[in-house]
């Protein structure tokens, strides 16, 4: 009984942490969001609002996130198709 009283708050903190991580990953690796940011970045560069070095750095970061997001999407798709079999 005491074990449950002590572990309940810890379990709640763990669940909250997992939910925060899930939401952060969703924001960080959301394909439409990344695509929109790439478009905005390109427009800013073409309008001369940011220098080429900053553009390249941010573009590299966004493209790396895009690759991870696509890989995650493919993994999820494969898992779903395996479950159906």
PDB file of N, CA and C in Angstrom:
ATOM      1  N   UNK A   1       0.828  -1.198   0.000  1.00  0.00           N
ATOM      2  CA  UNK A   1       0.000   0.000   0.000  1.00  0.00           C
ATOM      3  C   UNK A   1       0.868   1.257   0.000  1.00  0.00           C
ATOM      4  N   UNK A   2       1.863   1.296   0.862  1.00  0.00           N
ATOM      5  CA  UNK A   2       2.746   2.456   0.923  1.00  0.00           C
ATOM      6  C   UNK A   2       3.505   2.599  -0.396  1.00  0.00           C
ATOM      7  N   UNK A   3       3.874   1.459  -0.983  1.00  0.00           N
ATOM      8  CA  UNK A   3       4.587   1.484  -2.259  1.00  0.00           C
ATOM      9  C   UNK A   3       3.748   2.201  -3.324  1.00  0.00           C
ATOM     10  N   UNK A   4       2.448   1.928  -3.341  1.00  0.00           N
ATOM     11  CA  UNK A   4       1.570   2.568  -4.318  1.00  0.00           C
ATOM     12  C   UNK A   4       1.473   4.065  -4.068  1.00  0.00           C
ATOM     13  N   UNK A   5       1.440   4.473  -2.811  1.00  0.00           N
ATOM     14  CA  UNK A   5       1.359   5.896  -2.487  1.00  0.00           C
ATOM     15  C   UNK A   5       2.626   6.645  -2.905  1.00  0.00           C
ATOM     16  N   UNK A   6       3.753   5.978  -2.773  1.00  0.00           N
ATOM     17  CA  UNK A   6       5.026   6.600  -3.126  1.00  0.00           C
ATOM     18  C   UNK A   6       5.240   6.595  -4.640  1.00  0.00           C
ATOM     19  N   UNK A   7       4.890   5.516  -5.290  1.00  0.00           N
ATOM     20  CA  UNK A   7       5.164   5.397  -6.728  1.00  0.00           C
ATOM     21  C   UNK A   7       4.146   6.135  -7.598  1.00  0.00           C
ATOM     22  N   UNK A   8       2.966   6.410  -7.093  1.00  0.00           N
ATOM     23  CA  UNK A   8       1.942   7.085  -7.901  1.00  0.00           C
ATOM     24  C   UNK A   8       2.417   8.440  -8.411  1.00  0.00           C
ATOM     25  N   UNK A   9       2.977   9.309  -7.547  1.00  0.00           N
ATOM     26  CA  UNK A   9       3.460  10.600  -8.075  1.00  0.00           C
ATOM     27  C   UNK A   9       4.593  10.428  -9.082  1.00  0.00           C
ATOM     28  N   UNK A  10       5.455   9.471  -8.878  1.00  0.00           N
ATOM     29  CA  UNK A  10       6.559   9.224  -9.800  1.00  0.00           C
ATOM     30  C   UNK A  10       6.015   8.764 -11.153  1.00  0.00           C
ATOM     31  N   UNK A  11       5.055   7.855 -11.110  1.00  0.00           N
ATOM     32  CA  UNK A  11       4.444   7.377 -12.363  1.00  0.00           C
ATOM     33  C   UNK A  11       3.750   8.514 -13.112  1.00  0.00           C
ATOM     34  N   UNK A  12       3.117   9.415 -12.366  1.00  0.00           N
ATOM     35  CA  UNK A  12       2.436  10.557 -12.985  1.00  0.00           C
ATOM     36  C   UNK A  12       3.461  11.473 -13.663  1.00  0.00           C
ATOM     37  N   UNK A  13       4.571  11.733 -13.018  1.00  0.00           N
ATOM     38  CA  UNK A  13       5.624  12.571 -13.597  1.00  0.00           C
ATOM     39  C   UNK A  13       6.175  11.910 -14.864  1.00  0.00           C
ATOM     40  N   UNK A  14       6.365  10.613 -14.832  1.00  0.00           N
ATOM     41  CA  UNK A  14       6.865   9.886 -16.006  1.00  0.00           C
ATOM     42  C   UNK A  14       5.868   9.997 -17.162  1.00  0.00           C
ATOM     43  N   UNK A  15       4.588   9.830 -16.883  1.00  0.00           N
ATOM     44  CA  UNK A  15       3.566   9.921 -17.937  1.00  0.00           C
ATOM     45  C   UNK A  15       3.500  11.335 -18.520  1.00  0.00           C
ATOM     46  N   UNK A  16       3.624  12.335 -17.661  1.00  0.00           N
ATOM     47  CA  UNK A  16       3.613  13.722 -18.139  1.00  0.00           C
ATOM     48  C   UNK A  16       4.838  13.967 -19.021  1.00  0.00           C
ATOM     49  N   UNK A  17       5.990  13.480 -18.590  1.00  0.00           N
ATOM     50  CA  UNK A  17       7.215  13.625 -19.376  1.00  0.00           C
ATOM     51  C   UNK A  17       7.098  12.953 -20.728  1.00  0.00           C
ATOM     52  N   UNK A  18       6.508  11.768 -20.765  1.00  0.00           N
ATOM     53  CA  UNK A  18       6.320  11.060 -22.030  1.00  0.00           C
ATOM     54  C   UNK A  18       5.398  11.835 -22.963  1.00  0.00           C
ATOM     55  N   UNK A  19       4.340  12.417 -22.401  1.00  0.00           N
ATOM     56  CA  UNK A  19       3.391  13.193 -23.209  1.00  0.00           C
ATOM     57  C   UNK A  19       4.062  14.445 -23.775  1.00  0.00           C
ATOM     58  N   UNK A  20       4.864  15.111 -22.952  1.00  0.00           N
ATOM     59  CA  UNK A  20       5.592  16.298 -23.419  1.00  0.00           C
ATOM     60  C   UNK A  20       6.544  15.923 -24.541  1.00  0.00           C
ATOM     61  N   UNK A  21       7.255  14.808 -24.377  1.00  0.00           N
ATOM     62  CA  UNK A  21       8.186  14.351 -25.408  1.00  0.00           C
ATOM     63  C   UNK A  21       7.447  14.037 -26.706  1.00  0.00           C
ATOM     64  N   UNK A  22       6.300  13.405 -26.575  1.00  0.00           N
ATOM     65  CA  UNK A  22       5.492  13.056 -27.744  1.00  0.00           C
ATOM     66  C   UNK A  22       5.046  14.315 -28.496  1.00  0.00           C
ATOM     67  N   UNK A  23       4.585  15.316 -27.766  1.00  0.00           N
ATOM     68  CA  UNK A  23       4.128  16.557 -28.386  1.00  0.00           C
ATOM     69  C   UNK A  23       5.295  17.324 -29.023  1.00  0.00           C
ATOM     70  N   UNK A  24       6.435  17.328 -28.359  1.00  0.00           N
ATOM     71  CA  UNK A  24       7.615  18.003 -28.910  1.00  0.00           C
ATOM     72  C   UNK A  24       8.068  17.316 -30.200  1.00  0.00           C
ATOM     73  N   UNK A  25       8.074  15.993 -30.202  1.00  0.00           N
ATOM     74  CA  UNK A  25       8.448  15.250 -31.411  1.00  0.00           C
ATOM     75  C   UNK A  25       7.472  15.535 -32.543  1.00  0.00           C
ATOM     76  N   UNK A  26       6.194  15.623 -32.207  1.00  0.00           N
ATOM     77  CA  UNK A  26       5.181  15.901 -33.215  1.00  0.00           C
ATOM     78  C   UNK A  26       5.445  17.264 -33.866  1.00  0.00           C
ATOM     79  N   UNK A  27       5.746  18.249 -33.052  1.00  0.00           N
ATOM     80  CA  UNK A  27       6.027  19.589 -33.568  1.00  0.00           C
ATOM     81  C   UNK A  27       7.325  19.621 -34.362  1.00  0.00           C
ATOM     82  N   UNK A  28       8.329  18.956 -33.854  1.00  0.00           N
ATOM     83  CA  UNK A  28       9.650  18.984 -34.475  1.00  0.00           C
ATOM     84  C   UNK A  28       9.683  18.212 -35.788  1.00  0.00           C
ATOM     85  N   UNK A  29       8.905  17.143 -35.868  1.00  0.00           N
ATOM     86  CA  UNK A  29       8.970  16.263 -37.043  1.00  0.00           C
ATOM     87  C   UNK A  29       7.656  16.193 -37.822  1.00  0.00           C
ATOM     88  N   UNK A  30       6.867  17.244 -37.769  1.00  0.00           N
ATOM     89  CA  UNK A  30       5.622  17.319 -38.525  1.00  0.00           C
ATOM     90  C   UNK A  30       5.941  17.737 -39.961  1.00  0.00           C
ATOM     91  N   UNK A  31       5.691  16.855 -40.919  1.00  0.00           N
ATOM     92  CA  UNK A  31       6.060  17.103 -42.318  1.00  0.00           C
ATOM     93  C   UNK A  31       5.474  18.399 -42.893  1.00  0.00           C
ATOM     94  N   UNK A  32       4.181  18.653 -42.748  1.00  0.00           N
ATOM     95  CA  UNK A  32       3.648  19.911 -43.297  1.00  0.00           C
ATOM     96  C   UNK A  32       4.293  21.155 -42.674  1.00  0.00           C
ATOM     97  N   UNK A  33       4.579  21.100 -41.391  1.00  0.00           N
ATOM     98  CA  UNK A  33       5.220  22.231 -40.728  1.00  0.00           C
ATOM     99  C   UNK A  33       6.622  22.451 -41.282  1.00  0.00           C
ATOM    100  N   UNK A  34       7.367  21.384 -41.448  1.00  0.00           N
ATOM    101  CA  UNK A  34       8.724  21.489 -41.984  1.00  0.00           C
ATOM    102  C   UNK A  34       8.678  22.029 -43.413  1.00  0.00           C
ATOM    103  N   UNK A  35       7.753  21.528 -44.219  1.00  0.00           N
ATOM    104  CA  UNK A  35       7.631  22.008 -45.597  1.00  0.00           C
ATOM    105  C   UNK A  35       7.307  23.502 -45.630  1.00  0.00           C
ATOM    106  N   UNK A  36       6.416  23.928 -44.758  1.00  0.00           N
ATOM    107  CA  UNK A  36       6.050  25.346 -44.701  1.00  0.00           C
ATOM    108  C   UNK A  36       7.246  26.194 -44.286  1.00  0.00           C
ATOM    109  N   UNK A  37       8.011  25.711 -43.333  1.00  0.00           N
ATOM    110  CA  UNK A  37       9.194  26.456 -42.892  1.00  0.00           C
ATOM    111  C   UNK A  37      10.246  26.539 -43.992  1.00  0.00           C
ATOM    112  N   UNK A  38      10.380  25.481 -44.788  1.00  0.00           N
ATOM    113  CA  UNK A  38      11.305  25.521 -45.920  1.00  0.00           C
ATOM    114  C   UNK A  38      10.876  26.569 -46.951  1.00  0.00           C
ATOM    115  N   UNK A  39       9.591  26.639 -47.221  1.00  0.00           N
ATOM    116  CA  UNK A  39       9.068  27.626 -48.164  1.00  0.00           C
ATOM    117  C   UNK A  39       9.310  29.043 -47.642  1.00  0.00           C
ATOM    118  N   UNK A  40       9.008  29.259 -46.367  1.00  0.00           N
ATOM    119  CA  UNK A  40       9.223  30.576 -45.771  1.00  0.00           C
ATOM    120  C   UNK A  40      10.701  30.957 -45.812  1.00  0.00           C
ATOM    121  N   UNK A  41      11.553  30.012 -45.507  1.00  0.00           N
ATOM    122  CA  UNK A  41      12.987  30.262 -45.522  1.00  0.00           C
ATOM    123  C   UNK A  41      13.451  30.653 -46.923  1.00  0.00           C
ATOM    124  N   UNK A  42      12.982  29.923 -47.925  1.00  0.00           N
ATOM    125  CA  UNK A  42      13.340  30.227 -49.316  1.00  0.00           C
ATOM    126  C   UNK A  42      12.886  31.635 -49.691  1.00  0.00           C
ATOM    127  N   UNK A  43      11.689  31.989 -49.301  1.00  0.00           N
ATOM    128  CA  UNK A  43      11.164  33.320 -49.611  1.00  0.00           C
ATOM    129  C   UNK A  43      12.000  34.404 -48.926  1.00  0.00           C
ATOM    130  N   UNK A  44      12.347  34.176 -47.668  1.00  0.00           N
ATOM    131  CA  UNK A  44      13.158  35.147 -46.939  1.00  0.00           C
ATOM    132  C   UNK A  44      14.515  35.341 -47.624  1.00  0.00           C
ATOM    133  N   UNK A  45      15.093  34.256 -48.075  1.00  0.00           N
ATOM    134  CA  UNK A  45      16.392  34.331 -48.753  1.00  0.00           C
ATOM    135  C   UNK A  45      16.272  35.083 -50.078  1.00  0.00           C
ATOM    136  N   UNK A  46      15.256  34.735 -50.852  1.00  0.00           N
ATOM    137  CA  UNK A  46      15.075  35.375 -52.157  1.00  0.00           C
ATOM    138  C   UNK A  46      14.769  36.867 -52.033  1.00  0.00           C
ATOM    139  N   UNK A  47      14.130  37.253 -50.929  1.00  0.00           N
ATOM    140  CA  UNK A  47      13.829  38.670 -50.709  1.00  0.00           C
ATOM    141  C   UNK A  47      14.997  39.415 -50.057  1.00  0.00           C
ATOM    142  N   UNK A  48      16.076  38.694 -49.789  1.00  0.00           N
ATOM    143  CA  UNK A  48      17.258  39.314 -49.205  1.00  0.00           C
ATOM    144  C   UNK A  48      17.144  39.602 -47.717  1.00  0.00           C
ATOM    145  N   UNK A  49      16.198  38.932 -47.054  1.00  0.00           N
ATOM    146  CA  UNK A  49      15.985  39.163 -45.635  1.00  0.00           C
ATOM    147  C   UNK A  49      17.003  38.430 -44.754  1.00  0.00           C
ATOM    148  N   UNK A  50      17.610  37.380 -45.296  1.00  0.00           N
ATOM    149  CA  UNK A  50      18.636  36.643 -44.553  1.00  0.00           C
ATOM    150  C   UNK A  50      19.831  36.386 -45.468  1.00  0.00           C
ATOM    151  N   UNK A  51      21.027  36.348 -44.888  1.00  0.00           N
ATOM    152  CA  UNK A  51      22.210  36.077 -45.711  1.00  0.00           C
ATOM    153  C   UNK A  51      22.277  34.599 -46.123  1.00  0.00           C
ATOM    154  N   UNK A  52      23.067  34.338 -47.143  1.00  0.00           N
ATOM    155  CA  UNK A  52      23.168  32.977 -47.676  1.00  0.00           C
ATOM    156  C   UNK A  52      23.650  31.982 -46.625  1.00  0.00           C
ATOM    157  N   UNK A  53      24.591  32.381 -45.799  1.00  0.00           N
ATOM    158  CA  UNK A  53      25.126  31.477 -44.769  1.00  0.00           C
ATOM    159  C   UNK A  53      24.030  31.050 -43.789  1.00  0.00           C
ATOM    160  N   UNK A  54      23.220  31.995 -43.347  1.00  0.00           N
ATOM    161  CA  UNK A  54      22.116  31.672 -42.430  1.00  0.00           C
ATOM    162  C   UNK A  54      21.084  30.794 -43.129  1.00  0.00           C
ATOM    163  N   UNK A  55      20.824  31.094 -44.397  1.00  0.00           N
ATOM    164  CA  UNK A  55      19.890  30.294 -45.181  1.00  0.00           C
ATOM    165  C   UNK A  55      20.363  28.846 -45.272  1.00  0.00           C
ATOM    166  N   UNK A  56      21.625  28.647 -45.640  1.00  0.00           N
ATOM    167  CA  UNK A  56      22.169  27.298 -45.784  1.00  0.00           C
ATOM    168  C   UNK A  56      22.107  26.525 -44.469  1.00  0.00           C
ATOM    169  N   UNK A  57      22.460  27.191 -43.386  1.00  0.00           N
ATOM    170  CA  UNK A  57      22.459  26.542 -42.072  1.00  0.00           C
ATOM    171  C   UNK A  57      21.053  26.088 -41.679  1.00  0.00           C
ATOM    172  N   UNK A  58      20.087  26.979 -41.823  1.00  0.00           N
ATOM    173  CA  UNK A  58      18.706  26.649 -41.450  1.00  0.00           C
ATOM    174  C   UNK A  58      18.117  25.613 -42.410  1.00  0.00           C
ATOM    175  N   UNK A  59      18.447  25.728 -43.683  1.00  0.00           N
ATOM    176  CA  UNK A  59      17.943  24.766 -44.660  1.00  0.00           C
ATOM    177  C   UNK A  59      18.467  23.361 -44.344  1.00  0.00           C
ATOM    178  N   UNK A  60      19.747  23.267 -44.013  1.00  0.00           N
ATOM    179  CA  UNK A  60      20.333  21.966 -43.658  1.00  0.00           C
ATOM    180  C   UNK A  60      19.616  21.362 -42.453  1.00  0.00           C
ATOM    181  N   UNK A  61      19.341  22.204 -41.459  1.00  0.00           N
ATOM    182  CA  UNK A  61      18.637  21.725 -40.263  1.00  0.00           C
ATOM    183  C   UNK A  61      17.240  21.215 -40.615  1.00  0.00           C
ATOM    184  N   UNK A  62      16.513  21.996 -41.396  1.00  0.00           N
ATOM    185  CA  UNK A  62      15.151  21.603 -41.776  1.00  0.00           C
ATOM    186  C   UNK A  62      15.136  20.346 -42.637  1.00  0.00           C
ATOM    187  N   UNK A  63      16.087  20.230 -43.548  1.00  0.00           N
ATOM    188  CA  UNK A  63      16.144  19.034 -44.388  1.00  0.00           C
ATOM    189  C   UNK A  63      16.491  17.793 -43.576  1.00  0.00           C
ATOM    190  N   UNK A  64      17.342  17.938 -42.571  1.00  0.00           N
ATOM    191  CA  UNK A  64      17.653  16.802 -41.693  1.00  0.00           C
ATOM    192  C   UNK A  64      16.401  16.382 -40.922  1.00  0.00           C
ATOM    193  N   UNK A  65      15.656  17.361 -40.419  1.00  0.00           N
ATOM    194  CA  UNK A  65      14.401  17.044 -39.716  1.00  0.00           C
ATOM    195  C   UNK A  65      13.403  16.392 -40.663  1.00  0.00           C
ATOM    196  N   UNK A  66      13.363  16.862 -41.913  1.00  0.00           N
ATOM    197  CA  UNK A  66      12.455  16.298 -42.907  1.00  0.00           C
ATOM    198  C   UNK A  66      12.783  14.825 -43.161  1.00  0.00           C
ATOM    199  N   UNK A  67      14.068  14.516 -43.294  1.00  0.00           N
ATOM    200  CA  UNK A  67      14.479  13.130 -43.523  1.00  0.00           C
ATOM    201  C   UNK A  67      14.074  12.236 -42.357  1.00  0.00           C
ATOM    202  N   UNK A  68      14.267  12.713 -41.148  1.00  0.00           N
ATOM    203  CA  UNK A  68      13.881  11.940 -39.966  1.00  0.00           C
ATOM    204  C   UNK A  68      12.368  11.738 -39.957  1.00  0.00           C
ATOM    205  N   UNK A  69      11.633  12.797 -40.248  1.00  0.00           N
ATOM    206  CA  UNK A  69      10.171  12.713 -40.256  1.00  0.00           C
ATOM    207  C   UNK A  69       9.682  11.717 -41.306  1.00  0.00           C
ATOM    208  N   UNK A  70      10.296  11.748 -42.489  1.00  0.00           N
ATOM    209  CA  UNK A  70       9.905  10.812 -43.547  1.00  0.00           C
ATOM    210  C   UNK A  70      10.209   9.372 -43.143  1.00  0.00           C
ATOM    211  N   UNK A  71      11.378   9.169 -42.530  1.00  0.00           N
ATOM    212  CA  UNK A  71      11.749   7.830 -42.080  1.00  0.00           C
ATOM    213  C   UNK A  71      10.758   7.328 -41.028  1.00  0.00           C
ATOM    214  N   UNK A  72      10.387   8.208 -40.088  1.00  0.00           N
ATOM    215  CA  UNK A  72       9.398   7.828 -39.066  1.00  0.00           C
ATOM    216  C   UNK A  72       8.054   7.484 -39.704  1.00  0.00           C
ATOM    217  N   UNK A  73       7.664   8.276 -40.691  1.00  0.00           N
ATOM    218  CA  UNK A  73       6.405   8.021 -41.385  1.00  0.00           C
ATOM    219  C   UNK A  73       6.430   6.654 -42.060  1.00  0.00           C
ATOM    220  N   UNK A  74       7.527   6.332 -42.715  1.00  0.00           N
ATOM    221  CA  UNK A  74       7.663   5.035 -43.387  1.00  0.00           C
ATOM    222  C   UNK A  74       7.646   3.892 -42.383  1.00  0.00           C
ATOM    223  N   UNK A  75       8.309   4.074 -41.232  1.00  0.00           N
ATOM    224  CA  UNK A  75       8.315   3.042 -40.193  1.00  0.00           C
ATOM    225  C   UNK A  75       6.908   2.806 -39.661  1.00  0.00           C
ATOM    226  N   UNK A  76       6.164   3.894 -39.445  1.00  0.00           N
ATOM    227  CA  UNK A  76       4.785   3.760 -38.973  1.00  0.00           C
ATOM    228  C   UNK A  76       3.933   3.048 -40.015  1.00  0.00           C
ATOM    229  N   UNK A  77       4.125   3.385 -41.270  1.00  0.00           N
ATOM    230  CA  UNK A  77       3.376   2.751 -42.354  1.00  0.00           C
ATOM    231  C   UNK A  77       3.664   1.255 -42.403  1.00  0.00           C
ATOM    232  N   UNK A  78       4.945   0.896 -42.275  1.00  0.00           N
ATOM    233  CA  UNK A  78       5.325  -0.516 -42.291  1.00  0.00           C
ATOM    234  C   UNK A  78       4.720  -1.262 -41.113  1.00  0.00           C
ATOM    235  N   UNK A  79       4.711  -0.642 -39.940  1.00  0.00           N
ATOM    236  CA  UNK A  79       4.112  -1.278 -38.759  1.00  0.00           C
ATOM    237  C   UNK A  79       2.626  -1.500 -38.973  1.00  0.00           C
ATOM    238  N   UNK A  80       1.949  -0.517 -39.543  1.00  0.00           N
ATOM    239  CA  UNK A  80       0.511  -0.656 -39.777  1.00  0.00           C
ATOM    240  C   UNK A  80       0.215  -1.763 -40.771  1.00  0.00           C
ATOM    241  N   UNK A  81       1.013  -1.875 -41.813  1.00  0.00           N
ATOM    242  CA  UNK A  81       0.756  -2.902 -42.812  1.00  0.00           C
ATOM    243  C   UNK A  81       1.084  -4.285 -42.270  1.00  0.00           C
ATOM    244  N   UNK A  82       2.072  -4.400 -41.388  1.00  0.00           N
ATOM    245  CA  UNK A  82       2.376  -5.673 -40.784  1.00  0.00           C
ATOM    246  C   UNK A  82       1.267  -6.153 -39.852  1.00  0.00           C
ATOM    247  N   UNK A  83       0.651  -5.202 -39.136  1.00  0.00           N
ATOM    248  CA  UNK A  83      -0.424  -5.547 -38.219  1.00  0.00           C
ATOM    249  C   UNK A  83      -1.652  -6.066 -38.962  1.00  0.00           C
ATOM    250  N   UNK A  84      -1.865  -5.563 -40.166  1.00  0.00           N
ATOM    251  CA  UNK A  84      -3.030  -5.976 -40.946  1.00  0.00           C
ATOM    252  C   UNK A  84      -2.884  -7.389 -41.525  1.00  0.00           C
ATOM    253  N   UNK A  85      -1.642  -7.841 -41.640  1.00  0.00           N
ATOM    254  CA  UNK A  85      -1.421  -9.166 -42.238  1.00  0.00           C
ATOM    255  C   UNK A  85      -1.731 -10.289 -41.308  1.00  0.00           C
TER     256      UNK A  85
END
